[in-house]
Amino acid sequence: MRYGDITDPQYALKLLRNVKQRAGENVANYGERLLMLARNACEGELDERDPMQRILVG
């Protein structure tokens, strides 16, 4: 874990709900940031067998 990593799923979900693309941020970086927040928000709740979750969350 790095300094600045989000460890609380509820806080990550709050950030995910409010995330916006930053000025000058390209789509690929924005998408990676969204995926990171989604992974943190759904930690332990994802079913790896569900193909849609694999596509949406990584």
N, C-alpha and C. Protein backbone atom coordinates (compact mmCIF):
# COMPACT_ATOMS: atom_id res chain seq x y z
N MET A 1 0.84 -1.17 0.00
CA MET A 1 0.00 0.00 0.00
C MET A 1 0.90 1.24 0.00
N ARG A 2 0.52 2.22 -0.79
CA ARG A 2 1.25 3.48 -0.87
C ARG A 2 0.52 4.54 -0.06
N TYR A 3 1.29 5.56 0.31
CA TYR A 3 0.67 6.73 0.93
C TYR A 3 -0.32 7.30 -0.07
N GLY A 4 -1.51 7.58 0.37
CA GLY A 4 -2.52 8.11 -0.52
C GLY A 4 -3.47 7.06 -1.07
N ASP A 5 -3.15 5.77 -0.85
CA ASP A 5 -4.07 4.72 -1.27
C ASP A 5 -5.34 4.80 -0.43
N ILE A 6 -6.46 4.51 -1.05
CA ILE A 6 -7.74 4.56 -0.36
C ILE A 6 -8.03 3.19 0.23
N THR A 7 -8.22 3.13 1.54
CA THR A 7 -8.44 1.83 2.18
C THR A 7 -9.88 1.63 2.64
N ASP A 8 -10.66 2.68 2.71
CA ASP A 8 -12.05 2.59 3.17
C ASP A 8 -12.98 2.52 1.96
N PRO A 9 -13.68 1.39 1.77
CA PRO A 9 -14.57 1.25 0.61
C PRO A 9 -15.68 2.31 0.56
N GLN A 10 -16.20 2.73 1.70
CA GLN A 10 -17.26 3.74 1.69
C GLN A 10 -16.73 5.09 1.21
N TYR A 11 -15.52 5.43 1.62
CA TYR A 11 -14.91 6.67 1.16
C TYR A 11 -14.62 6.59 -0.34
N ALA A 12 -14.15 5.43 -0.80
CA ALA A 12 -13.88 5.24 -2.23
C ALA A 12 -15.17 5.36 -3.03
N LEU A 13 -16.27 4.84 -2.51
CA LEU A 13 -17.56 4.95 -3.20
C LEU A 13 -18.00 6.41 -3.28
N LYS A 14 -17.79 7.16 -2.21
CA LYS A 14 -18.12 8.59 -2.23
C LYS A 14 -17.30 9.31 -3.30
N LEU A 15 -16.00 9.02 -3.36
CA LEU A 15 -15.15 9.63 -4.38
C LEU A 15 -15.60 9.23 -5.78
N LEU A 16 -15.96 7.95 -5.95
CA LEU A 16 -16.40 7.45 -7.25
C LEU A 16 -17.66 8.17 -7.72
N ARG A 17 -18.57 8.42 -6.80
CA ARG A 17 -19.83 9.10 -7.16
C ARG A 17 -19.59 10.55 -7.57
N ASN A 18 -18.53 11.16 -7.06
CA ASN A 18 -18.29 12.58 -7.30
C ASN A 18 -17.15 12.86 -8.27
N VAL A 19 -16.54 11.81 -8.82
CA VAL A 19 -15.37 12.01 -9.67
C VAL A 19 -15.74 12.73 -10.97
N LYS A 20 -14.86 13.62 -11.36
CA LYS A 20 -15.00 14.34 -12.62
C LYS A 20 -13.65 14.34 -13.32
N GLN A 21 -13.69 14.42 -14.62
CA GLN A 21 -12.44 14.47 -15.36
C GLN A 21 -11.76 15.80 -15.09
N ARG A 22 -10.47 15.73 -14.78
CA ARG A 22 -9.70 16.94 -14.47
C ARG A 22 -9.35 17.68 -15.75
N ALA A 23 -9.16 18.98 -15.62
CA ALA A 23 -8.74 19.79 -16.77
C ALA A 23 -7.39 19.27 -17.25
N GLY A 24 -7.29 18.99 -18.53
CA GLY A 24 -6.05 18.50 -19.11
C GLY A 24 -5.81 17.01 -18.94
N GLU A 25 -6.70 16.30 -18.26
CA GLU A 25 -6.54 14.86 -18.05
C GLU A 25 -7.09 14.13 -19.28
N ASN A 26 -6.28 13.24 -19.85
CA ASN A 26 -6.77 12.52 -21.02
C ASN A 26 -7.73 11.40 -20.60
N VAL A 27 -8.45 10.89 -21.56
CA VAL A 27 -9.50 9.90 -21.29
C VAL A 27 -8.92 8.63 -20.68
N ALA A 28 -7.75 8.19 -21.15
CA ALA A 28 -7.15 6.97 -20.63
C ALA A 28 -6.82 7.10 -19.14
N ASN A 29 -6.25 8.22 -18.75
CA ASN A 29 -5.92 8.43 -17.33
C ASN A 29 -7.18 8.55 -16.48
N TYR A 30 -8.18 9.23 -17.01
CA TYR A 30 -9.46 9.35 -16.30
C TYR A 30 -10.09 7.97 -16.11
N GLY A 31 -10.05 7.16 -17.15
CA GLY A 31 -10.59 5.80 -17.06
C GLY A 31 -9.86 4.96 -16.03
N GLU A 32 -8.54 5.08 -15.98
CA GLU A 32 -7.76 4.34 -14.99
C GLU A 32 -8.11 4.78 -13.58
N ARG A 33 -8.30 6.07 -13.40
CA ARG A 33 -8.68 6.59 -12.09
C ARG A 33 -10.06 6.08 -11.69
N LEU A 34 -10.99 6.03 -12.64
CA LEU A 34 -12.32 5.48 -12.37
C LEU A 34 -12.25 4.02 -11.97
N LEU A 35 -11.46 3.24 -12.70
CA LEU A 35 -11.32 1.82 -12.39
C LEU A 35 -10.71 1.61 -11.01
N MET A 36 -9.71 2.40 -10.66
CA MET A 36 -9.09 2.28 -9.35
C MET A 36 -10.10 2.56 -8.24
N LEU A 37 -10.89 3.62 -8.41
CA LEU A 37 -11.90 3.94 -7.41
C LEU A 37 -12.97 2.85 -7.34
N ALA A 38 -13.37 2.32 -8.48
CA ALA A 38 -14.37 1.25 -8.50
C ALA A 38 -13.85 0.00 -7.80
N ARG A 39 -12.59 -0.35 -8.04
CA ARG A 39 -12.01 -1.51 -7.36
C ARG A 39 -12.00 -1.31 -5.85
N ASN A 40 -11.58 -0.12 -5.43
CA ASN A 40 -11.53 0.17 -3.99
C ASN A 40 -12.92 0.19 -3.37
N ALA A 41 -13.89 0.72 -4.09
CA ALA A 41 -15.26 0.83 -3.57
C ALA A 41 -15.93 -0.53 -3.48
N CYS A 42 -15.58 -1.44 -4.37
CA CYS A 42 -16.24 -2.75 -4.43
C CYS A 42 -15.35 -3.85 -3.87
N GLU A 43 -14.35 -3.50 -3.11
CA GLU A 43 -13.40 -4.47 -2.58
C GLU A 43 -14.11 -5.61 -1.86
N GLY A 44 -13.82 -6.82 -2.29
CA GLY A 44 -14.39 -7.99 -1.67
C GLY A 44 -15.81 -8.32 -2.10
N GLU A 45 -16.42 -7.49 -2.91
CA GLU A 45 -17.80 -7.72 -3.31
C GLU A 45 -17.94 -8.20 -4.75
N LEU A 46 -16.86 -8.21 -5.49
CA LEU A 46 -16.95 -8.57 -6.90
C LEU A 46 -16.89 -10.08 -7.09
N ASP A 47 -17.68 -10.56 -7.98
CA ASP A 47 -17.68 -11.97 -8.34
C ASP A 47 -16.83 -12.10 -9.60
N GLU A 48 -15.67 -12.70 -9.48
CA GLU A 48 -14.73 -12.80 -10.60
C GLU A 48 -15.30 -13.60 -11.77
N ARG A 49 -16.35 -14.37 -11.55
CA ARG A 49 -16.92 -15.17 -12.64
C ARG A 49 -17.86 -14.36 -13.51
N ASP A 50 -18.30 -13.21 -13.05
CA ASP A 50 -19.23 -12.39 -13.81
C ASP A 50 -18.48 -11.59 -14.87
N PRO A 51 -18.67 -11.90 -16.15
CA PRO A 51 -17.89 -11.22 -17.20
C PRO A 51 -18.15 -9.72 -17.26
N MET A 52 -19.36 -9.26 -16.95
CA MET A 52 -19.64 -7.83 -17.01
C MET A 52 -18.82 -7.09 -15.95
N GLN A 53 -18.70 -7.67 -14.76
CA GLN A 53 -17.89 -7.04 -13.73
C GLN A 53 -16.43 -6.99 -14.14
N ARG A 54 -15.96 -8.04 -14.80
CA ARG A 54 -14.57 -8.03 -15.26
C ARG A 54 -14.35 -6.92 -16.28
N ILE A 55 -15.33 -6.68 -17.14
CA ILE A 55 -15.21 -5.63 -18.15
C ILE A 55 -15.28 -4.25 -17.50
N LEU A 56 -16.24 -4.05 -16.60
CA LEU A 56 -16.45 -2.73 -16.02
C LEU A 56 -15.44 -2.37 -14.95
N VAL A 57 -14.99 -3.34 -14.18
CA VAL A 57 -14.12 -3.05 -13.05
C VAL A 57 -12.71 -3.55 -13.28
N GLY A 58 -12.49 -4.33 -14.27
CA GLY A 58 -11.13 -4.73 -14.57
C GLY A 58 -10.94 -6.16 -14.28
